[in-house]
Amino acid sequence: MSSKAERKSAYVRDLDKPIKSFGQSFFWRAASLWLLISLFMFLYFSHPYYLGQEFENARGLLFKAYVIFCFLIWPYTWFTLKFNYRFKDDFKDPSIIFFVLLKRIGLLFATRDIAQIKGLFKVKRFNNFCLTCLVKGFFLPLMSMFVFHHIGAIQGLLVRVSTPMDGVQLANWFLDLVYNSLFIVDTGIALVGYGLELKWLGNKTKSVEPTAFGWAVALMCYPPFNNTSSIYFPLQSRQEYFLPLTEEQKIFVRIIIVLLYGVFVWGTIALGVKFSNLSNKGIIDRGPYKFIRHPAYASKNIAWWFEHLQYMKGFHNVLPLLCWNMIYTLRAFTEERHLMKDPDYRAYCKKVKYRFIPGLI
């Protein structure tokens, strides 16, 4: 066997090798997972992007969650090892993979051989671990920020309760309340999905989108990347009216929009703790997923057309929205390409044939 093949085999054995003593296994799992989470907390409390005002409440929430985590990681690890341990789970256990990474970093400093680290990237489950960390590390503070954004919007609405309002104002107030409540549910479930991945919940990540293109079309829909995307595909031009709607007609359109976002959130509720962008945490076929494969993308994109309908005068207002529709279509296609590696998803596609609109496409 060549030295290169021997090194690769050693890396695989390193990841496969269990820690035999229960006490050692318990300690090193809990310690390595604690260190991994602590590194992310250090990032959130030191990087200039996360120190911005918009993340202030999110940082507070994440810090409280971190304190709870520091207390619970030890009894949780012991209890899981004692009552829910399966040897095959070790192969994808993030605490063990991170422990091996730390060991290899130590060997790198001792031997000055970069191959100690490079070899790990030839192991599929190590790459999957790294991508899982990127998904969680990026989306967890973002969803926390979104939750507080919608909570703040509802607090502002409740302040206006005592203000006299006519029928149109009251209808708009109520629709704003429903809209923000829906997205508190949506982002709250997403927050749990990213932050609470447990063997007991059955929501461990099986695989993560492996391609740069798949990541690109997903990330360009979220801050800070959508700030750049919106420059090229702006949806904020409201100077020209294509449909001069009455106030009552605008309320009717808003009701349709809220109903469409209700379908969007229904999809999130159906996913539950398995919610995660760019990840396969298990295939579900309940809720709106009984009828189409991408109910969230379909409902959100149709809602955007109703939101911007009255401002569609001129192709310069239509083109950006068509571009965003294309971006979400590409998200659907890249997700399916990734999920098709799972036989459960292939079986699901045979049962649910339509992607966006039942009976059409």
Protein backbone atom coordinates (compact mmCIF):
# COMPACT_ATOMS: atom_id res chain seq x y z
CA MET A 1 0.00 0.00 0.00
CA SER A 2 1.32 3.46 -0.89
CA SER A 3 2.06 5.96 1.87
CA LYS A 4 -0.76 8.18 0.56
CA ALA A 5 -3.26 5.33 0.74
CA GLU A 6 -1.95 4.40 4.17
CA ARG A 7 -2.50 7.93 5.44
CA LYS A 8 -6.05 8.03 4.07
CA SER A 9 -6.75 4.66 5.69
CA ALA A 10 -5.41 6.04 8.98
CA TYR A 11 -7.78 9.02 8.83
CA VAL A 12 -10.75 6.72 8.26
CA ARG A 13 -9.68 4.50 11.15
CA ASP A 14 -9.32 7.59 13.33
CA LEU A 15 -12.94 8.50 12.69
CA ASP A 16 -14.11 4.91 13.10
CA LYS A 17 -12.22 4.17 16.29
CA PRO A 18 -14.49 4.32 19.35
CA ILE A 19 -13.43 5.56 22.77
CA LYS A 20 -13.76 2.32 24.70
CA SER A 21 -14.11 3.50 28.31
CA PHE A 22 -17.60 4.82 29.17
CA GLY A 23 -16.12 7.50 31.41
CA GLN A 24 -13.64 8.66 28.76
CA SER A 25 -16.29 8.53 26.07
CA PHE A 26 -18.68 10.61 28.17
CA PHE A 27 -16.05 13.21 29.06
CA TRP A 28 -14.51 13.69 25.62
CA ARG A 29 -17.85 13.82 23.81
CA ALA A 30 -19.25 16.44 26.16
CA ALA A 31 -16.00 18.43 26.27
CA SER A 32 -15.48 18.51 22.50
CA LEU A 33 -19.10 19.50 21.85
CA TRP A 34 -18.86 22.21 24.51
CA LEU A 35 -15.70 23.56 22.86
CA LEU A 36 -17.31 23.50 19.41
CA ILE A 37 -20.35 25.48 20.58
CA SER A 38 -18.11 27.84 22.55
CA LEU A 39 -16.16 28.66 19.38
CA PHE A 40 -19.38 29.68 17.65
CA MET A 41 -20.37 31.80 20.65
CA PHE A 42 -16.97 33.50 20.50
CA LEU A 43 -17.64 34.28 16.83
CA TYR A 44 -21.09 35.75 17.56
CA PHE A 45 -19.72 37.98 20.32
CA SER A 46 -16.55 39.14 18.56
CA HIS A 47 -17.23 39.41 14.82
CA PRO A 48 -18.23 42.97 13.76
CA TYR A 49 -21.17 41.69 11.68
CA TYR A 50 -22.84 40.10 14.70
CA LEU A 51 -22.06 43.05 16.97
CA GLY A 52 -24.49 45.24 15.02
CA GLN A 53 -27.61 46.66 16.64
CA GLU A 54 -29.89 44.34 14.66
CA PHE A 55 -28.34 41.31 16.41
CA GLU A 56 -28.51 42.73 19.95
CA ASN A 57 -31.56 40.74 21.05
CA ALA A 58 -30.35 37.67 19.16
CA ARG A 59 -27.04 37.77 21.05
CA GLY A 60 -28.93 37.95 24.33
CA LEU A 61 -31.04 34.92 23.41
CA LEU A 62 -28.06 32.92 22.19
CA PHE A 63 -26.10 33.71 25.35
CA LYS A 64 -28.94 32.48 27.57
CA ALA A 65 -29.22 29.33 25.45
CA TYR A 66 -25.45 28.86 25.74
CA VAL A 67 -25.55 29.08 29.55
CA ILE A 68 -28.31 26.45 29.64
CA PHE A 69 -26.30 24.32 27.21
CA CYS A 70 -23.22 24.50 29.46
CA PHE A 71 -25.22 23.02 32.34
CA LEU A 72 -27.17 20.42 30.34
CA ILE A 73 -24.48 19.06 28.02
CA TRP A 74 -23.01 16.88 30.76
CA PRO A 75 -26.19 15.10 31.98
CA TYR A 76 -27.52 14.95 28.41
CA THR A 77 -24.37 13.25 27.11
CA TRP A 78 -24.34 10.77 30.01
CA PHE A 79 -28.05 9.97 29.64
CA THR A 80 -27.79 9.53 25.87
CA LEU A 81 -24.73 7.29 26.11
CA LYS A 82 -26.41 5.23 28.82
CA PHE A 83 -29.85 4.76 27.28
CA ASN A 84 -29.75 5.65 23.58
CA TYR A 85 -26.34 4.56 22.34
CA ARG A 86 -25.76 2.82 19.01
CA PHE A 87 -22.25 2.22 17.76
CA LYS A 88 -23.16 3.13 14.18
CA ASP A 89 -24.20 6.63 15.35
CA ASP A 90 -20.58 7.33 16.31
CA PHE A 91 -19.61 7.56 12.64
CA LYS A 92 -21.54 10.84 12.26
CA ASP A 93 -21.44 12.09 15.84
CA PRO A 94 -20.24 15.74 15.67
CA SER A 95 -18.59 15.54 19.09
CA ILE A 96 -16.44 12.59 18.00
CA ILE A 97 -15.60 14.11 14.60
CA PHE A 98 -14.60 17.39 16.24
CA PHE A 99 -12.56 15.45 18.81
CA VAL A 100 -10.68 13.75 15.95
CA LEU A 101 -10.12 17.14 14.31
CA LEU A 102 -8.62 18.50 17.54
CA LYS A 103 -6.40 15.43 17.77
CA ARG A 104 -5.24 15.94 14.19
CA ILE A 105 -4.54 19.63 14.84
CA GLY A 106 -2.34 18.55 17.75
CA LEU A 107 -0.48 16.13 15.48
CA LEU A 108 -0.09 18.90 12.89
CA PHE A 109 1.76 21.07 15.39
CA ALA A 110 3.80 18.11 16.59
CA THR A 111 4.82 16.80 13.15
CA ARG A 112 4.52 19.95 10.99
CA ASP A 113 2.75 17.72 8.45
CA ILE A 114 -0.28 19.42 6.86
CA ALA A 115 -1.44 16.02 5.64
CA GLN A 116 -2.64 15.38 9.18
CA ILE A 117 -5.53 17.78 8.40
CA LYS A 118 -5.81 17.42 4.62
CA GLY A 119 -6.52 13.74 4.91
CA LEU A 120 -9.70 14.39 6.90
CA PHE A 121 -11.26 16.21 3.96
CA LYS A 122 -11.06 12.98 1.96
CA VAL A 123 -13.57 11.43 4.37
CA LYS A 124 -17.18 12.12 3.38
CA ARG A 125 -18.63 12.33 6.87
CA PHE A 126 -16.00 14.85 7.94
CA ASN A 127 -16.96 17.11 5.03
CA ASN A 128 -20.61 16.66 5.98
CA PHE A 129 -19.76 17.69 9.55
CA CYS A 130 -18.03 20.87 8.32
CA LEU A 131 -20.97 21.79 6.08
CA THR A 132 -23.44 21.13 8.91
CA CYS A 133 -21.49 23.52 11.13
CA LEU A 134 -21.60 26.17 8.40
CA VAL A 135 -25.38 25.78 7.99
CA LYS A 136 -26.07 26.04 11.71
CA GLY A 137 -23.48 28.74 12.32
CA PHE A 138 -24.93 30.96 9.60
CA PHE A 139 -28.66 30.48 10.09
CA LEU A 140 -28.96 30.25 13.89
CA PRO A 141 -28.23 33.94 14.68
CA LEU A 142 -30.15 34.97 11.58
CA MET A 143 -33.34 33.20 12.67
CA SER A 144 -32.90 34.64 16.17
CA MET A 145 -32.75 38.12 14.66
CA PHE A 146 -35.86 37.46 12.53
CA VAL A 147 -37.84 36.26 15.57
CA PHE A 148 -37.13 39.48 17.46
CA HIS A 149 -37.86 41.59 14.38
CA HIS A 150 -41.39 40.20 14.19
CA ILE A 151 -41.86 40.35 17.96
CA GLY A 152 -40.91 44.04 17.80
CA ALA A 153 -43.41 44.59 15.00
CA ILE A 154 -46.20 43.03 17.09
CA GLN A 155 -45.22 45.11 20.12
CA GLY A 156 -45.54 48.21 17.93
CA LEU A 157 -48.97 47.08 16.76
CA LEU A 158 -50.17 46.45 20.32
CA VAL A 159 -49.16 49.98 21.30
CA ARG A 160 -51.65 51.22 18.70
CA VAL A 161 -54.58 49.22 20.13
CA SER A 162 -56.01 52.22 22.00
CA THR A 163 -55.69 54.48 18.94
CA PRO A 164 -59.06 55.12 17.20
CA MET A 165 -59.09 53.43 13.78
CA ASP A 166 -61.63 53.36 10.98
CA GLY A 167 -62.56 50.12 9.19
CA VAL A 168 -59.70 50.24 6.68
CA GLN A 169 -57.10 51.04 9.34
CA LEU A 170 -58.41 48.30 11.62
CA ALA A 171 -58.31 45.76 8.80
CA ASN A 172 -54.71 46.69 7.96
CA TRP A 173 -53.78 46.57 11.65
CA PHE A 174 -55.26 43.08 12.00
CA LEU A 175 -53.55 41.82 8.83
CA ASP A 176 -50.21 43.19 10.07
CA LEU A 177 -50.79 41.34 13.35
CA VAL A 178 -51.56 38.04 11.59
CA TYR A 179 -48.63 38.45 9.18
CA ASN A 180 -46.07 39.01 11.93
CA SER A 181 -47.57 36.26 14.10
CA LEU A 182 -47.20 33.82 11.23
CA PHE A 183 -43.54 34.66 10.86
CA ILE A 184 -42.88 34.38 14.58
CA VAL A 185 -44.12 30.80 14.26
CA ASP A 186 -42.04 30.28 11.10
CA THR A 187 -38.76 31.68 12.43
CA GLY A 188 -39.34 30.18 15.88
CA ILE A 189 -39.61 26.68 14.42
CA ALA A 190 -36.57 27.36 12.23
CA LEU A 191 -34.66 28.47 15.32
CA VAL A 192 -35.43 25.17 17.05
CA GLY A 193 -34.53 23.23 13.90
CA TYR A 194 -31.09 24.82 13.68
CA GLY A 195 -30.35 24.97 17.38
CA LEU A 196 -31.73 21.73 18.77
CA GLU A 197 -30.53 18.76 16.74
CA LEU A 198 -30.85 15.71 18.99
CA LYS A 199 -30.84 11.97 18.53
CA TRP A 200 -33.93 11.82 20.74
CA LEU A 201 -35.85 14.09 18.33
CA GLY A 202 -34.85 12.12 15.25
CA ASN A 203 -33.69 15.28 13.46
CA LYS A 204 -29.97 14.61 13.01
CA THR A 205 -28.57 15.88 9.71
CA LYS A 206 -28.12 13.10 7.16
CA SER A 207 -26.41 15.17 4.49
CA VAL A 208 -25.81 18.77 3.41
CA GLU A 209 -25.92 20.35 -0.04
CA PRO A 210 -22.40 19.70 -1.39
CA THR A 211 -22.21 22.15 -4.32
CA ALA A 212 -21.16 25.80 -4.34
CA PHE A 213 -24.02 26.62 -6.74
CA GLY A 214 -26.61 25.13 -4.38
CA TRP A 215 -25.22 27.21 -1.53
CA ALA A 216 -25.07 30.35 -3.68
CA VAL A 217 -28.73 30.34 -4.75
CA ALA A 218 -29.77 29.72 -1.14
CA LEU A 219 -27.55 32.30 0.57
CA MET A 220 -28.37 35.09 -1.89
CA CYS A 221 -31.91 35.03 -0.42
CA TYR A 222 -30.67 35.89 3.12
CA PRO A 223 -28.80 38.75 4.80
CA PRO A 224 -26.18 39.96 4.28
CA PHE A 225 -26.01 38.48 0.77
CA ASN A 226 -29.51 39.57 -0.27
CA ASN A 227 -28.39 43.18 0.19
CA THR A 228 -26.29 42.68 -2.93
CA SER A 229 -28.91 40.52 -4.65
CA SER A 230 -31.53 43.23 -4.15
CA ILE A 231 -29.33 45.78 -5.91
CA TYR A 232 -29.52 43.72 -9.09
CA PHE A 233 -33.09 42.46 -8.58
CA PRO A 234 -34.84 45.38 -6.81
CA LEU A 235 -38.46 44.95 -5.73
CA GLN A 236 -38.91 48.30 -4.00
CA SER A 237 -39.92 50.55 -6.91
CA ARG A 238 -43.38 51.86 -5.98
CA GLN A 239 -43.53 55.05 -8.00
CA GLU A 240 -45.66 53.91 -10.93
CA TYR A 241 -49.04 52.28 -10.48
CA PHE A 242 -50.14 49.56 -12.84
CA LEU A 243 -53.42 48.94 -10.98
CA PRO A 244 -54.86 51.92 -9.05
CA LEU A 245 -56.68 49.86 -6.42
CA THR A 246 -59.17 51.23 -3.92
CA GLU A 247 -58.44 50.83 -0.21
CA GLU A 248 -60.98 47.99 0.01
CA GLN A 249 -59.38 46.22 -2.97
CA LYS A 250 -55.96 46.59 -1.37
CA ILE A 251 -57.28 44.91 1.77
CA PHE A 252 -58.67 42.04 -0.32
CA VAL A 253 -55.27 41.61 -2.00
CA ARG A 254 -53.60 41.66 1.43
CA ILE A 255 -55.91 38.91 2.65
CA ILE A 256 -54.79 36.76 -0.30
CA ILE A 257 -51.15 37.55 0.53
CA VAL A 258 -51.58 36.59 4.20
CA LEU A 259 -53.32 33.35 3.19
CA LEU A 260 -50.42 32.51 0.88
CA TYR A 261 -47.93 33.19 3.67
CA GLY A 262 -50.12 30.97 5.82
CA VAL A 263 -49.39 28.13 3.39
CA PHE A 264 -45.70 29.04 3.60
CA VAL A 265 -45.74 28.76 7.40
CA TRP A 266 -47.85 25.59 7.20
CA GLY A 267 -44.93 24.04 5.34
CA THR A 268 -42.55 25.07 8.14
CA ILE A 269 -44.90 23.60 10.75
CA ALA A 270 -45.03 20.34 8.79
CA LEU A 271 -41.24 20.14 8.78
CA GLY A 272 -41.10 20.89 12.51
CA VAL A 273 -37.79 20.08 14.17
CA LYS A 274 -36.50 18.75 10.84
CA PHE A 275 -36.52 22.25 9.37
CA SER A 276 -33.18 23.33 7.90
CA ASN A 277 -31.98 24.99 4.74
CA LEU A 278 -29.48 23.09 2.60
CA SER A 279 -29.85 19.96 4.73
CA ASN A 280 -31.55 16.58 4.66
CA LYS A 281 -32.82 15.75 8.14
CA GLY A 282 -35.32 13.18 6.94
CA ILE A 283 -38.14 13.23 4.39
CA ILE A 284 -41.65 14.25 5.44
CA ASP A 285 -44.89 13.97 3.45
CA ARG A 286 -47.41 15.65 5.73
CA GLY A 287 -49.14 19.02 5.59
CA PRO A 288 -48.81 20.81 2.24
CA TYR A 289 -46.08 18.36 1.26
CA LYS A 290 -48.86 15.85 0.58
CA PHE A 291 -49.80 17.88 -2.48
CA ILE A 292 -46.62 19.49 -3.85
CA ARG A 293 -42.92 19.11 -3.16
CA HIS A 294 -42.10 22.81 -2.66
CA PRO A 295 -45.14 24.47 -1.05
CA ALA A 296 -43.08 27.13 0.76
CA TYR A 297 -41.31 28.33 -2.38
CA ALA A 298 -44.50 28.26 -4.45
CA SER A 299 -46.64 30.18 -1.95
CA LYS A 300 -43.96 32.79 -1.21
CA ASN A 301 -43.35 33.54 -4.89
CA ILE A 302 -47.07 33.82 -5.68
CA ALA A 303 -47.47 36.11 -2.64
CA TRP A 304 -44.73 38.38 -4.02
CA TRP A 305 -46.71 38.85 -7.24
CA PHE A 306 -49.75 39.97 -5.29
CA GLU A 307 -47.60 42.25 -3.10
CA HIS A 308 -46.13 44.01 -6.14
CA LEU A 309 -49.11 43.67 -8.48
CA GLN A 310 -50.19 47.29 -8.39
CA TYR A 311 -46.60 48.49 -9.07
CA MET A 312 -45.96 46.36 -12.13
CA LYS A 313 -46.13 49.17 -14.66
CA GLY A 314 -43.19 48.74 -16.99
CA PHE A 315 -41.01 45.71 -17.63
CA HIS A 316 -38.34 47.16 -15.31
CA ASN A 317 -40.67 46.29 -12.41
CA VAL A 318 -41.58 42.84 -13.74
CA LEU A 319 -38.07 41.63 -14.57
CA PRO A 320 -36.64 41.64 -10.99
CA LEU A 321 -39.56 39.59 -9.72
CA LEU A 322 -39.14 37.10 -12.55
CA CYS A 323 -35.48 36.85 -11.57
CA TRP A 324 -36.40 36.09 -7.95
CA ASN A 325 -38.85 33.47 -9.17
CA MET A 326 -36.00 31.91 -11.14
CA ILE A 327 -33.71 31.97 -8.09
CA TYR A 328 -36.27 30.07 -6.02
CA THR A 329 -36.83 27.65 -8.89
CA LEU A 330 -33.09 26.99 -8.91
CA ARG A 331 -33.21 26.48 -5.14
CA ALA A 332 -35.89 23.84 -5.65
CA PHE A 333 -33.89 22.09 -8.38
CA THR A 334 -30.62 22.08 -6.42
CA GLU A 335 -32.41 20.80 -3.32
CA GLU A 336 -33.98 17.98 -5.29
CA ARG A 337 -30.65 17.06 -6.85
CA HIS A 338 -29.23 16.76 -3.34
CA LEU A 339 -32.23 14.93 -1.85
CA MET A 340 -32.46 12.47 -4.74
CA LYS A 341 -29.50 10.66 -3.20
CA ASP A 342 -31.89 9.60 -0.43
CA PRO A 343 -34.08 6.62 -1.47
CA ASP A 344 -36.85 7.94 0.79
CA TYR A 345 -37.00 11.12 -1.28
CA ARG A 346 -37.07 9.20 -4.54
CA ALA A 347 -40.04 7.24 -3.19
CA TYR A 348 -41.67 10.52 -2.10
CA CYS A 349 -41.27 11.99 -5.61
CA LYS A 350 -43.09 9.00 -7.08
CA LYS A 351 -45.98 9.65 -4.71
CA VAL A 352 -46.02 13.47 -5.01
CA LYS A 353 -45.39 14.22 -8.68
CA TYR A 354 -45.78 18.01 -8.79
CA ARG A 355 -43.22 20.52 -7.59
CA PHE A 356 -45.11 23.83 -7.37
CA ILE A 357 -48.75 23.68 -8.47
CA PRO A 358 -50.90 20.52 -8.10
CA GLY A 359 -51.85 19.08 -11.47
CA LEU A 360 -49.65 21.51 -13.44
CA ILE A 361 -45.94 21.66 -12.60
